[in-house]
Amino acid sequence: MYVVVVASQKGGAGKTSLIRNLAVATHQQFGATAILDTDPQGSLTSWWNRREDQQPALIKLDMKDFGASAARLADAGVEYLFVDTPPSVHPEIRALLAHADLVIVPVRPSPDDLDAVGDTLALIEEAGRPFVFVLTQAKPRTRLQMQAVLALAKHGKLAPTVIHDRTDFPTAAISGKAVTEIEPETASAREIKEVLGYVMTQLRKHVTTQHREG
């Protein structure tokens, strides 16, 4: 089972929006997907409770023994687990990162968000896990977006597709849906699918590297 943790120490980075849309797209394309909400605000859980479709499954795990709990989930047939995390240096984040096959760091193209990236990276580097940046809530064709792309590329891998700020995302969320469920061919849905393709490529590279090192 692949464990994908979405983490950002900066609130409002679009973390929960990104994770629910990626999880739904993963379920649509690859099946057997689950989501785990460790953020005390419970935004991912609230969204799931508004859904008619019970997939991807919202699950609970014993955070004190995450490894064993995740193994049981994998034995039950789950192939992908997306984990939402609180926007703070919460003790559980370190434990979660240690089990991540990939960490996704959503970042808005703003000076405050770029300045806050260092705290998140410090946790990821401490855990020694691979990560990718995803630029979120961007305004199309702005100088700030280009500056953010250049700045993030200096610190690590950056998804080549940017998630832009569109009303599709909150509109879909109102009814507990994702943008790929509302209109699969919109620009928003296309961006999510492209980011997911990049995430899957990075996941497989990491697992292949682990096997070689093993």
N, C-alpha and C. Protein backbone atom coordinates (compact mmCIF):
# COMPACT_ATOMS: atom_id res chain seq x y z
N MET A 1 0.84 -1.20 0.00
CA MET A 1 0.00 0.00 0.00
C MET A 1 0.88 1.25 0.00
N TYR A 2 0.52 2.20 -0.84
CA TYR A 2 1.22 3.48 -0.87
C TYR A 2 0.60 4.43 0.15
N VAL A 3 1.45 5.08 0.95
CA VAL A 3 0.99 6.07 1.92
C VAL A 3 1.44 7.44 1.45
N VAL A 4 0.47 8.31 1.16
CA VAL A 4 0.76 9.67 0.69
C VAL A 4 0.29 10.65 1.78
N VAL A 5 1.22 11.39 2.34
CA VAL A 5 0.91 12.36 3.38
C VAL A 5 0.96 13.76 2.78
N VAL A 6 -0.10 14.52 3.00
CA VAL A 6 -0.14 15.91 2.54
C VAL A 6 0.12 16.79 3.76
N ALA A 7 1.20 17.57 3.71
CA ALA A 7 1.61 18.33 4.89
C ALA A 7 1.99 19.75 4.54
N SER A 8 1.60 20.67 5.42
CA SER A 8 1.99 22.07 5.31
C SER A 8 1.83 22.72 6.66
N GLN A 9 2.87 23.37 7.14
CA GLN A 9 2.79 24.06 8.42
C GLN A 9 2.03 25.38 8.29
N LYS A 10 1.73 25.79 7.06
CA LYS A 10 1.03 27.05 6.81
C LYS A 10 -0.44 26.76 6.59
N GLY A 11 -1.30 27.33 7.41
CA GLY A 11 -2.74 27.16 7.22
C GLY A 11 -3.20 27.85 5.94
N GLY A 12 -4.25 27.32 5.34
CA GLY A 12 -4.82 27.93 4.14
C GLY A 12 -4.07 27.64 2.87
N ALA A 13 -3.21 26.62 2.89
CA ALA A 13 -2.42 26.29 1.70
C ALA A 13 -3.19 25.45 0.69
N GLY A 14 -4.42 25.07 1.02
CA GLY A 14 -5.21 24.24 0.11
C GLY A 14 -4.96 22.76 0.31
N LYS A 15 -4.48 22.39 1.48
CA LYS A 15 -4.10 21.02 1.78
C LYS A 15 -5.28 20.06 1.68
N THR A 16 -6.38 20.39 2.37
CA THR A 16 -7.52 19.49 2.39
C THR A 16 -8.20 19.42 1.02
N SER A 17 -8.31 20.54 0.34
CA SER A 17 -8.89 20.55 -1.00
C SER A 17 -8.09 19.67 -1.94
N LEU A 18 -6.77 19.77 -1.86
CA LEU A 18 -5.92 18.98 -2.74
C LEU A 18 -6.06 17.49 -2.44
N ILE A 19 -6.07 17.13 -1.16
CA ILE A 19 -6.09 15.71 -0.81
C ILE A 19 -7.41 15.05 -1.20
N ARG A 20 -8.53 15.74 -1.01
CA ARG A 20 -9.81 15.10 -1.34
C ARG A 20 -9.96 14.94 -2.85
N ASN A 21 -9.48 15.89 -3.61
CA ASN A 21 -9.57 15.78 -5.06
C ASN A 21 -8.62 14.72 -5.61
N LEU A 22 -7.42 14.64 -5.06
CA LEU A 22 -6.48 13.60 -5.49
C LEU A 22 -6.98 12.22 -5.10
N ALA A 23 -7.55 12.10 -3.90
CA ALA A 23 -8.03 10.79 -3.44
C ALA A 23 -9.18 10.29 -4.30
N VAL A 24 -10.10 11.18 -4.63
CA VAL A 24 -11.22 10.77 -5.50
C VAL A 24 -10.70 10.37 -6.88
N ALA A 25 -9.80 11.16 -7.44
CA ALA A 25 -9.25 10.84 -8.76
C ALA A 25 -8.50 9.52 -8.72
N THR A 26 -7.81 9.25 -7.61
CA THR A 26 -7.11 7.97 -7.47
C THR A 26 -8.10 6.82 -7.44
N HIS A 27 -9.18 6.98 -6.69
CA HIS A 27 -10.21 5.95 -6.63
C HIS A 27 -10.82 5.72 -8.01
N GLN A 28 -11.04 6.79 -8.76
CA GLN A 28 -11.64 6.67 -10.08
C GLN A 28 -10.72 5.93 -11.05
N GLN A 29 -9.43 6.20 -10.96
CA GLN A 29 -8.49 5.65 -11.94
C GLN A 29 -7.85 4.33 -11.50
N PHE A 30 -7.63 4.20 -10.18
CA PHE A 30 -6.85 3.05 -9.71
C PHE A 30 -7.58 2.19 -8.68
N GLY A 31 -8.68 2.70 -8.13
CA GLY A 31 -9.46 1.93 -7.17
C GLY A 31 -8.81 1.82 -5.80
N ALA A 32 -9.51 1.14 -4.86
CA ALA A 32 -8.99 0.78 -3.53
C ALA A 32 -8.23 1.90 -2.85
N THR A 33 -8.91 3.02 -2.62
CA THR A 33 -8.29 4.21 -2.01
C THR A 33 -8.99 4.54 -0.69
N ALA A 34 -8.20 4.97 0.29
CA ALA A 34 -8.75 5.38 1.58
C ALA A 34 -8.16 6.74 1.97
N ILE A 35 -8.86 7.45 2.84
CA ILE A 35 -8.38 8.73 3.34
C ILE A 35 -8.38 8.70 4.87
N LEU A 36 -7.41 9.39 5.46
CA LEU A 36 -7.27 9.47 6.91
C LEU A 36 -7.16 10.94 7.30
N ASP A 37 -8.01 11.38 8.20
CA ASP A 37 -8.05 12.78 8.64
C ASP A 37 -7.43 12.88 10.02
N THR A 38 -6.22 13.45 10.11
CA THR A 38 -5.58 13.63 11.42
C THR A 38 -5.58 15.09 11.85
N ASP A 39 -6.24 15.95 11.09
CA ASP A 39 -6.34 17.37 11.41
C ASP A 39 -7.50 17.56 12.40
N PRO A 40 -7.23 18.11 13.59
CA PRO A 40 -8.31 18.32 14.57
C PRO A 40 -9.48 19.15 14.04
N GLN A 41 -9.23 19.99 13.03
CA GLN A 41 -10.32 20.78 12.46
C GLN A 41 -11.34 19.90 11.74
N GLY A 42 -10.92 18.73 11.28
CA GLY A 42 -11.85 17.77 10.70
C GLY A 42 -12.49 18.17 9.39
N SER A 43 -11.84 19.03 8.61
CA SER A 43 -12.45 19.49 7.36
C SER A 43 -12.62 18.36 6.36
N LEU A 44 -11.66 17.44 6.30
CA LEU A 44 -11.77 16.31 5.37
C LEU A 44 -12.92 15.40 5.78
N THR A 45 -13.07 15.19 7.07
CA THR A 45 -14.17 14.36 7.58
C THR A 45 -15.52 15.00 7.28
N SER A 46 -15.62 16.32 7.48
CA SER A 46 -16.88 17.02 7.20
C SER A 46 -17.26 16.90 5.72
N TRP A 47 -16.26 17.04 4.85
CA TRP A 47 -16.51 16.88 3.41
C TRP A 47 -17.01 15.47 3.11
N TRP A 48 -16.35 14.46 3.68
CA TRP A 48 -16.72 13.07 3.42
C TRP A 48 -18.14 12.79 3.91
N ASN A 49 -18.51 13.38 5.03
CA ASN A 49 -19.85 13.17 5.58
C ASN A 49 -20.94 13.76 4.68
N ARG A 50 -20.58 14.68 3.79
CA ARG A 50 -21.55 15.25 2.85
C ARG A 50 -21.66 14.40 1.57
N ARG A 51 -20.79 13.42 1.42
CA ARG A 51 -20.78 12.62 0.20
C ARG A 51 -21.90 11.58 0.20
N GLU A 52 -22.43 11.31 -1.01
CA GLU A 52 -23.34 10.18 -1.18
C GLU A 52 -22.53 8.90 -1.41
N ASP A 53 -21.49 9.02 -2.19
CA ASP A 53 -20.60 7.89 -2.45
C ASP A 53 -19.70 7.68 -1.24
N GLN A 54 -19.59 6.46 -0.76
CA GLN A 54 -18.77 6.17 0.41
C GLN A 54 -17.32 5.85 0.06
N GLN A 55 -16.97 6.05 -1.20
CA GLN A 55 -15.59 5.85 -1.65
C GLN A 55 -15.03 7.16 -2.17
N PRO A 56 -13.76 7.44 -1.91
CA PRO A 56 -12.80 6.65 -1.13
C PRO A 56 -13.21 6.57 0.34
N ALA A 57 -12.87 5.47 0.97
CA ALA A 57 -13.31 5.23 2.34
C ALA A 57 -12.58 6.13 3.33
N LEU A 58 -13.32 6.68 4.27
CA LEU A 58 -12.72 7.42 5.38
C LEU A 58 -12.46 6.43 6.50
N ILE A 59 -11.21 6.32 6.92
CA ILE A 59 -10.86 5.30 7.92
C ILE A 59 -10.22 5.96 9.15
N LYS A 60 -10.17 5.19 10.21
CA LYS A 60 -9.46 5.61 11.42
C LYS A 60 -8.39 4.56 11.72
N LEU A 61 -7.23 5.04 12.15
CA LEU A 61 -6.13 4.14 12.48
C LEU A 61 -5.62 4.45 13.88
N ASP A 62 -5.04 3.44 14.50
CA ASP A 62 -4.39 3.62 15.79
C ASP A 62 -3.08 4.36 15.56
N MET A 63 -3.06 5.65 15.90
CA MET A 63 -1.89 6.46 15.61
C MET A 63 -0.68 6.05 16.45
N LYS A 64 -0.91 5.35 17.56
CA LYS A 64 0.21 4.90 18.39
C LYS A 64 0.92 3.71 17.76
N ASP A 65 0.25 3.05 16.85
CA ASP A 65 0.84 1.90 16.17
C ASP A 65 0.47 1.97 14.70
N PHE A 66 0.87 3.08 14.06
CA PHE A 66 0.45 3.36 12.70
C PHE A 66 0.91 2.27 11.73
N GLY A 67 2.12 1.80 11.89
CA GLY A 67 2.66 0.79 10.97
C GLY A 67 1.82 -0.48 10.92
N ALA A 68 1.48 -1.02 12.09
CA ALA A 68 0.68 -2.24 12.15
C ALA A 68 -0.73 -2.00 11.64
N SER A 69 -1.29 -0.83 11.98
CA SER A 69 -2.64 -0.50 11.52
C SER A 69 -2.68 -0.35 10.00
N ALA A 70 -1.66 0.28 9.44
CA ALA A 70 -1.59 0.45 7.99
C ALA A 70 -1.41 -0.91 7.30
N ALA A 71 -0.66 -1.79 7.92
CA ALA A 71 -0.46 -3.13 7.35
C ALA A 71 -1.78 -3.89 7.27
N ARG A 72 -2.59 -3.76 8.30
CA ARG A 72 -3.92 -4.41 8.29
C ARG A 72 -4.80 -3.81 7.21
N LEU A 73 -4.68 -2.51 7.01
CA LEU A 73 -5.46 -1.85 5.96
C LEU A 73 -5.04 -2.37 4.59
N ALA A 74 -3.74 -2.55 4.40
CA ALA A 74 -3.23 -3.09 3.14
C ALA A 74 -3.72 -4.52 2.94
N ASP A 75 -3.74 -5.30 4.01
CA ASP A 75 -4.22 -6.69 3.92
C ASP A 75 -5.70 -6.73 3.53
N ALA A 76 -6.43 -5.66 3.87
CA ALA A 76 -7.86 -5.59 3.54
C ALA A 76 -8.08 -5.17 2.08
N GLY A 77 -6.98 -4.87 1.37
CA GLY A 77 -7.10 -4.57 -0.05
C GLY A 77 -6.92 -3.13 -0.45
N VAL A 78 -6.67 -2.24 0.52
CA VAL A 78 -6.47 -0.82 0.19
C VAL A 78 -5.09 -0.65 -0.44
N GLU A 79 -5.03 0.04 -1.58
CA GLU A 79 -3.77 0.22 -2.29
C GLU A 79 -3.17 1.61 -2.09
N TYR A 80 -4.03 2.60 -1.82
CA TYR A 80 -3.55 3.97 -1.65
C TYR A 80 -4.21 4.59 -0.43
N LEU A 81 -3.39 5.18 0.43
CA LEU A 81 -3.90 5.88 1.61
C LEU A 81 -3.40 7.32 1.58
N PHE A 82 -4.35 8.27 1.56
CA PHE A 82 -4.01 9.70 1.59
C PHE A 82 -4.29 10.22 3.00
N VAL A 83 -3.30 10.89 3.56
CA VAL A 83 -3.39 11.35 4.95
C VAL A 83 -3.35 12.87 5.02
N ASP A 84 -4.39 13.46 5.62
CA ASP A 84 -4.43 14.90 5.85
C ASP A 84 -3.84 15.17 7.23
N THR A 85 -3.08 16.26 7.36
CA THR A 85 -2.39 16.56 8.61
C THR A 85 -2.73 17.97 9.09
N PRO A 86 -2.55 18.24 10.37
CA PRO A 86 -2.83 19.59 10.89
C PRO A 86 -1.78 20.59 10.46
N PRO A 87 -2.15 21.85 10.30
CA PRO A 87 -1.20 22.89 9.90
C PRO A 87 -0.42 23.41 11.10
N SER A 88 0.33 22.51 11.75
CA SER A 88 1.10 22.89 12.94
C SER A 88 2.16 21.81 13.17
N VAL A 89 3.07 22.08 14.09
CA VAL A 89 4.08 21.07 14.42
C VAL A 89 3.47 20.15 15.47
N HIS A 90 2.58 19.31 15.03
CA HIS A 90 1.88 18.37 15.90
C HIS A 90 2.74 17.12 16.07
N PRO A 91 2.80 16.54 17.29
CA PRO A 91 3.64 15.35 17.51
C PRO A 91 3.34 14.20 16.56
N GLU A 92 2.06 14.06 16.16
CA GLU A 92 1.69 12.94 15.28
C GLU A 92 2.30 13.08 13.88
N ILE A 93 2.61 14.31 13.47
CA ILE A 93 3.12 14.52 12.12
C ILE A 93 4.44 13.79 11.91
N ARG A 94 5.31 13.83 12.89
CA ARG A 94 6.60 13.14 12.77
C ARG A 94 6.40 11.64 12.55
N ALA A 95 5.46 11.05 13.31
CA ALA A 95 5.18 9.62 13.17
C ALA A 95 4.60 9.31 11.80
N LEU A 96 3.71 10.17 11.32
CA LEU A 96 3.11 9.96 10.01
C LEU A 96 4.15 10.06 8.89
N LEU A 97 4.99 11.08 8.99
CA LEU A 97 6.01 11.27 7.95
C LEU A 97 6.95 10.08 7.87
N ALA A 98 7.22 9.46 8.98
CA ALA A 98 8.13 8.31 8.99
C ALA A 98 7.60 7.15 8.16
N HIS A 99 6.28 7.09 7.99
CA HIS A 99 5.65 6.00 7.23
C HIS A 99 5.25 6.40 5.81
N ALA A 100 5.54 7.63 5.44
CA ALA A 100 5.09 8.13 4.13
C ALA A 100 5.96 7.59 3.00
N ASP A 101 5.32 7.13 1.94
CA ASP A 101 6.04 6.79 0.71
C ASP A 101 6.32 8.05 -0.09
N LEU A 102 5.47 9.07 0.10
CA LEU A 102 5.65 10.36 -0.55
C LEU A 102 4.91 11.41 0.26
N VAL A 103 5.55 12.57 0.40
CA VAL A 103 4.91 13.71 1.06
C VAL A 103 4.62 14.78 0.01
N ILE A 104 3.38 15.24 -0.02
CA ILE A 104 3.00 16.33 -0.91
C ILE A 104 2.92 17.61 -0.09
N VAL A 105 3.61 18.65 -0.55
CA VAL A 105 3.60 19.93 0.15
C VAL A 105 2.91 20.96 -0.73
N PRO A 106 1.63 21.29 -0.43
CA PRO A 106 0.95 22.33 -1.21
C PRO A 106 1.41 23.71 -0.77
N VAL A 107 1.62 24.58 -1.74
CA VAL A 107 2.11 25.93 -1.44
C VAL A 107 1.36 26.93 -2.30
N ARG A 108 0.83 27.97 -1.69
CA ARG A 108 0.23 29.06 -2.45
C ARG A 108 1.33 30.01 -2.91
N PRO A 109 1.15 30.64 -4.07
CA PRO A 109 2.16 31.58 -4.57
C PRO A 109 2.06 32.93 -3.87
N SER A 110 2.46 32.96 -2.61
CA SER A 110 2.48 34.21 -1.86
C SER A 110 3.76 34.25 -1.04
N PRO A 111 4.27 35.44 -0.75
CA PRO A 111 5.50 35.54 0.04
C PRO A 111 5.40 34.85 1.40
N ASP A 112 4.26 34.97 2.07
CA ASP A 112 4.09 34.35 3.38
C ASP A 112 4.17 32.83 3.30
N ASP A 113 3.54 32.27 2.27
CA ASP A 113 3.55 30.81 2.11
C ASP A 113 4.95 30.31 1.76
N LEU A 114 5.63 31.02 0.90
CA LEU A 114 6.99 30.62 0.52
C LEU A 114 7.92 30.71 1.73
N ASP A 115 7.75 31.72 2.55
CA ASP A 115 8.58 31.86 3.75
C ASP A 115 8.35 30.72 4.74
N ALA A 116 7.13 30.19 4.75
CA ALA A 116 6.77 29.15 5.72
C ALA A 116 7.19 27.74 5.29
N VAL A 117 7.64 27.60 4.06
CA VAL A 117 8.00 26.27 3.54
C VAL A 117 9.11 25.62 4.35
N GLY A 118 10.04 26.43 4.84
CA GLY A 118 11.20 25.89 5.55
C GLY A 118 10.84 25.02 6.74
N ASP A 119 9.81 25.40 7.50
CA ASP A 119 9.41 24.62 8.67
C ASP A 119 8.91 23.23 8.27
N THR A 120 8.14 23.19 7.19
CA THR A 120 7.63 21.90 6.70
C THR A 120 8.76 21.03 6.19
N LEU A 121 9.67 21.63 5.43
CA LEU A 121 10.79 20.87 4.88
C LEU A 121 11.69 20.31 5.98
N ALA A 122 11.85 21.06 7.06
CA ALA A 122 12.69 20.58 8.16
C ALA A 122 12.14 19.27 8.73
N LEU A 123 10.80 19.18 8.87
CA LEU A 123 10.19 17.95 9.37
C LEU A 123 10.37 16.80 8.39
N ILE A 124 10.19 17.08 7.11
CA ILE A 124 10.30 16.04 6.09
C ILE A 124 11.73 15.53 6.00
N GLU A 125 12.69 16.45 6.03
CA GLU A 125 14.10 16.06 5.95
C GLU A 125 14.52 15.27 7.18
N GLU A 126 13.97 15.63 8.33
CA GLU A 126 14.24 14.89 9.56
C GLU A 126 13.76 13.45 9.43
N ALA A 127 12.62 13.27 8.76
CA ALA A 127 12.07 11.92 8.56
C ALA A 127 12.76 11.19 7.41
N GLY A 128 13.46 11.94 6.56
CA GLY A 128 14.17 11.32 5.43
C GLY A 128 13.24 10.78 4.36
N ARG A 129 12.12 11.45 4.14
CA ARG A 129 11.14 10.96 3.16
C ARG A 129 11.16 11.81 1.90
N PRO A 130 10.83 11.21 0.75
CA PRO A 130 10.76 11.97 -0.51
C PRO A 130 9.53 12.88 -0.51
N PHE A 131 9.64 14.01 -1.18
CA PHE A 131 8.53 14.96 -1.20
C PHE A 131 8.47 15.68 -2.54
N VAL A 132 7.30 16.23 -2.81
CA VAL A 132 7.11 17.08 -3.99
C VAL A 132 6.27 18.28 -3.59
N PHE A 133 6.55 19.40 -4.22
CA PHE A 133 5.72 20.59 -4.04
C PHE A 133 4.60 20.58 -5.07
N VAL A 134 3.44 21.11 -4.69
CA VAL A 134 2.36 21.37 -5.63
C VAL A 134 1.92 22.81 -5.41
N LEU A 135 2.01 23.61 -6.45
CA LEU A 135 1.57 25.01 -6.36
C LEU A 135 0.05 25.04 -6.46
N THR A 136 -0.61 25.64 -5.45
CA THR A 136 -2.07 25.62 -5.37
C THR A 136 -2.64 27.03 -5.30
N GLN A 137 -3.93 27.14 -5.62
CA GLN A 137 -4.68 28.39 -5.51
C GLN A 137 -3.99 29.55 -6.24
N ALA A 138 -3.42 29.24 -7.37
CA ALA A 138 -2.69 30.26 -8.14
C ALA A 138 -3.61 31.00 -9.09
N LYS A 139 -3.27 32.25 -9.34
CA LYS A 139 -3.97 33.03 -10.36
C LYS A 139 -3.24 32.81 -11.69
N PRO A 140 -3.96 32.55 -12.77
CA PRO A 140 -3.31 32.25 -14.05
C PRO A 140 -2.41 33.37 -14.56
N ARG A 141 -1.26 32.96 -15.05
CA ARG A 141 -0.33 33.84 -15.76
C ARG A 141 0.03 35.11 -14.99
N THR A 142 0.38 34.96 -13.72
CA THR A 142 0.81 36.10 -12.94
C THR A 142 2.31 36.01 -12.67
N ARG A 143 2.92 37.17 -12.44
CA ARG A 143 4.35 37.19 -12.14
C ARG A 143 4.63 36.45 -10.83
N LEU A 144 3.71 36.58 -9.87
CA LEU A 144 3.89 35.92 -8.57
C LEU A 144 3.93 34.41 -8.73
N GLN A 145 3.11 33.87 -9.64
CA GLN A 145 3.13 32.43 -9.88
C GLN A 145 4.49 32.00 -10.41
N MET A 146 5.03 32.72 -11.37
CA MET A 146 6.33 32.37 -11.94
C MET A 146 7.44 32.49 -10.90
N GLN A 147 7.37 33.49 -10.06
CA GLN A 147 8.37 33.65 -9.00
C GLN A 147 8.31 32.48 -8.02
N ALA A 148 7.10 32.04 -7.70
CA ALA A 148 6.93 30.92 -6.79
C ALA A 148 7.48 29.63 -7.39
N VAL A 149 7.25 29.41 -8.68
CA VAL A 149 7.77 28.23 -9.37
C VAL A 149 9.29 28.20 -9.27
N LEU A 150 9.93 29.33 -9.55
CA LEU A 150 11.39 29.39 -9.51
C LEU A 150 11.91 29.18 -8.09
N ALA A 151 11.23 29.76 -7.11
CA ALA A 151 11.67 29.63 -5.72
C ALA A 151 11.55 28.19 -5.23
N LEU A 152 10.43 27.53 -5.51
CA LEU A 152 10.22 26.17 -5.03
C LEU A 152 11.14 25.17 -5.73
N ALA A 153 11.40 25.39 -7.00
CA ALA A 153 12.25 24.48 -7.76
C ALA A 153 13.66 24.41 -7.18
N LYS A 154 14.07 25.44 -6.45
CA LYS A 154 15.39 25.44 -5.83
C LYS A 154 15.46 24.52 -4.61
N HIS A 155 14.29 24.21 -4.03
CA HIS A 155 14.26 23.43 -2.79
C HIS A 155 13.88 21.97 -2.99
N GLY A 156 13.35 21.62 -4.16
CA GLY A 156 12.95 20.24 -4.37
C GLY A 156 12.12 20.09 -5.63
N LYS A 157 11.57 18.90 -5.82
CA LYS A 157 10.77 18.61 -7.00
C LYS A 157 9.44 19.36 -6.93
N LEU A 158 9.04 19.89 -8.05
CA LEU A 158 7.79 20.65 -8.15
C LEU A 158 6.92 20.04 -9.24
N ALA A 159 5.67 19.75 -8.91
CA ALA A 159 4.75 19.22 -9.92
C ALA A 159 4.66 20.20 -11.08
N PRO A 160 4.79 19.72 -12.31
CA PRO A 160 4.78 20.62 -13.46
C PRO A 160 3.44 21.28 -13.72
N THR A 161 2.37 20.74 -13.15
CA THR A 161 1.04 21.33 -13.32
C THR A 161 0.67 22.12 -12.08
N VAL A 162 0.18 23.32 -12.29
CA VAL A 162 -0.25 24.21 -11.21
C VAL A 162 -1.76 24.07 -11.01
N ILE A 163 -2.19 24.02 -9.74
CA ILE A 163 -3.62 24.01 -9.43
C ILE A 163 -4.07 25.47 -9.27
N HIS A 164 -4.93 25.91 -10.15
CA HIS A 164 -5.35 27.31 -10.13
C HIS A 164 -6.58 27.54 -9.25
N ASP A 165 -6.74 28.78 -8.85
CA ASP A 165 -7.84 29.18 -7.97
C ASP A 165 -9.11 29.33 -8.79
N ARG A 166 -9.99 28.33 -8.70
CA ARG A 166 -11.24 28.34 -9.45
C ARG A 166 -12.41 27.97 -8.54
N THR A 167 -13.58 28.45 -8.89
CA THR A 167 -14.77 28.20 -8.08
C THR A 167 -15.21 26.73 -8.14
N ASP A 168 -14.70 25.98 -9.12
CA ASP A 168 -15.07 24.56 -9.23
C ASP A 168 -14.80 23.80 -7.92
N PHE A 169 -13.69 24.14 -7.26
CA PHE A 169 -13.27 23.37 -6.08
C PHE A 169 -14.24 23.55 -4.91
N PRO A 170 -14.56 24.76 -4.47
CA PRO A 170 -15.54 24.89 -3.38
C PRO A 170 -16.95 24.48 -3.81
N THR A 171 -17.29 24.68 -5.08
CA THR A 171 -18.62 24.28 -5.56
C THR A 171 -18.81 22.78 -5.44
N ALA A 172 -17.79 22.03 -5.84
CA ALA A 172 -17.85 20.57 -5.73
C ALA A 172 -17.89 20.14 -4.27
N ALA A 173 -17.10 20.82 -3.44
CA ALA A 173 -16.98 20.42 -2.03
C ALA A 173 -18.28 20.60 -1.26
N ILE A 174 -19.10 21.54 -1.67
CA ILE A 174 -20.37 21.79 -0.98
C ILE A 174 -21.22 20.52 -0.90
N SER A 175 -21.21 19.75 -1.98
CA SER A 175 -22.00 18.51 -2.03
C SER A 175 -21.15 17.27 -1.77
N GLY A 176 -19.96 17.48 -1.21
CA GLY A 176 -19.10 16.33 -0.89
C GLY A 176 -18.52 15.66 -2.11
N LYS A 177 -18.29 16.42 -3.16
CA LYS A 177 -17.74 15.84 -4.38
C LYS A 177 -16.36 16.42 -4.67
N ALA A 178 -15.75 15.90 -5.72
CA ALA A 178 -14.48 16.40 -6.22
C ALA A 178 -14.70 16.94 -7.63
N VAL A 179 -13.76 17.74 -8.11
CA VAL A 179 -13.95 18.37 -9.42
C VAL A 179 -14.03 17.34 -10.55
N THR A 180 -13.37 16.20 -10.40
CA THR A 180 -13.42 15.17 -11.44
C THR A 180 -14.76 14.44 -11.46
N GLU A 181 -15.57 14.63 -10.42
CA GLU A 181 -16.91 14.02 -10.39
C GLU A 181 -17.97 14.97 -10.95
N ILE A 182 -17.71 16.27 -10.88
CA ILE A 182 -18.69 17.24 -11.38
C ILE A 182 -18.63 17.33 -12.90
N GLU A 183 -17.47 17.72 -13.41
CA GLU A 183 -17.25 17.82 -14.85
C GLU A 183 -15.84 17.31 -15.14
N PRO A 184 -15.71 16.08 -15.60
CA PRO A 184 -14.39 15.46 -15.77
C PRO A 184 -13.47 16.15 -16.76
N GLU A 185 -14.00 16.99 -17.63
CA GLU A 185 -13.15 17.59 -18.66
C GLU A 185 -12.89 19.08 -18.44
N THR A 186 -13.20 19.60 -17.27
CA THR A 186 -12.91 21.01 -17.01
C THR A 186 -11.41 21.20 -16.78
N ALA A 187 -10.98 22.45 -16.79
CA ALA A 187 -9.57 22.76 -16.54
C ALA A 187 -9.16 22.30 -15.14
N SER A 188 -10.05 22.49 -14.18
CA SER A 188 -9.74 22.08 -12.80
C SER A 188 -9.54 20.57 -12.71
N ALA A 189 -10.44 19.81 -13.33
CA ALA A 189 -10.33 18.35 -13.32
C ALA A 189 -9.06 17.90 -14.04
N ARG A 190 -8.74 18.57 -15.13
CA ARG A 190 -7.53 18.22 -15.88
C ARG A 190 -6.27 18.45 -15.04
N GLU A 191 -6.26 19.55 -14.31
CA GLU A 191 -5.10 19.84 -13.46
C GLU A 191 -4.93 18.78 -12.38
N ILE A 192 -6.03 18.38 -11.76
CA ILE A 192 -5.96 17.35 -10.72
C ILE A 192 -5.44 16.04 -11.30
N LYS A 193 -5.93 15.66 -12.47
CA LYS A 193 -5.49 14.41 -13.09
C LYS A 193 -4.00 14.47 -13.44
N GLU A 194 -3.54 15.62 -13.90
CA GLU A 194 -2.14 15.76 -14.26
C GLU A 194 -1.24 15.72 -13.03
N VAL A 195 -1.66 16.38 -11.96
CA VAL A 195 -0.89 16.32 -10.72
C VAL A 195 -0.87 14.89 -10.19
N LEU A 196 -2.01 14.20 -10.27
CA LEU A 196 -2.06 12.80 -9.83
C LEU A 196 -1.10 11.94 -10.64
N GLY A 197 -1.05 12.16 -11.95
CA GLY A 197 -0.12 11.40 -12.78
C GLY A 197 1.31 11.60 -12.33
N TYR A 198 1.65 12.84 -11.98
CA TYR A 198 3.00 13.14 -11.50
C TYR A 198 3.26 12.46 -10.15
N VAL A 199 2.27 12.51 -9.27
CA VAL A 199 2.40 11.88 -7.95
C VAL A 199 2.62 10.39 -8.10
N MET A 200 1.86 9.75 -8.97
CA MET A 200 2.01 8.31 -9.17
C MET A 200 3.40 7.96 -9.72
N THR A 201 3.91 8.79 -10.61
CA THR A 201 5.26 8.56 -11.15
C THR A 201 6.30 8.64 -10.03
N GLN A 202 6.17 9.63 -9.16
CA GLN A 202 7.12 9.79 -8.06
C GLN A 202 7.00 8.65 -7.05
N LEU A 203 5.79 8.18 -6.79
CA LEU A 203 5.60 7.05 -5.89
C LEU A 203 6.31 5.81 -6.41
N ARG A 204 6.12 5.53 -7.67
CA ARG A 204 6.71 4.32 -8.25
C ARG A 204 8.23 4.41 -8.30
N LYS A 205 8.75 5.61 -8.55
CA LYS A 205 10.20 5.79 -8.54
C LYS A 205 10.77 5.50 -7.15
N HIS A 206 10.07 5.99 -6.14
CA HIS A 206 10.54 5.80 -4.77
C HIS A 206 10.54 4.33 -4.39
N VAL A 207 9.46 3.64 -4.72
CA VAL A 207 9.36 2.22 -4.38
C VAL A 207 10.41 1.41 -5.14
N THR A 208 10.63 1.75 -6.42
CA THR A 208 11.66 1.07 -7.21
C THR A 208 13.04 1.28 -6.59
N THR A 209 13.31 2.50 -6.15
CA THR A 209 14.60 2.80 -5.52
C THR A 209 14.75 2.02 -4.23
N GLN A 210 13.69 1.91 -3.45
CA GLN A 210 13.75 1.14 -2.21
C GLN A 210 14.08 -0.32 -2.47
N HIS A 211 13.47 -0.88 -3.52
CA HIS A 211 13.71 -2.28 -3.85
C HIS A 211 15.16 -2.49 -4.28
N ARG A 212 15.70 -1.53 -5.04
CA ARG A 212 17.09 -1.65 -5.47
C ARG A 212 18.05 -1.58 -4.29
N GLU A 213 17.75 -0.65 -3.35
CA GLU A 213 18.60 -0.51 -2.17
C GLU A 213 18.49 -1.72 -1.27
N GLY A 214 17.25 -2.32 -1.26
CA GLY A 214 17.05 -3.51 -0.45
C GLY A 214 17.78 -4.71 -1.00
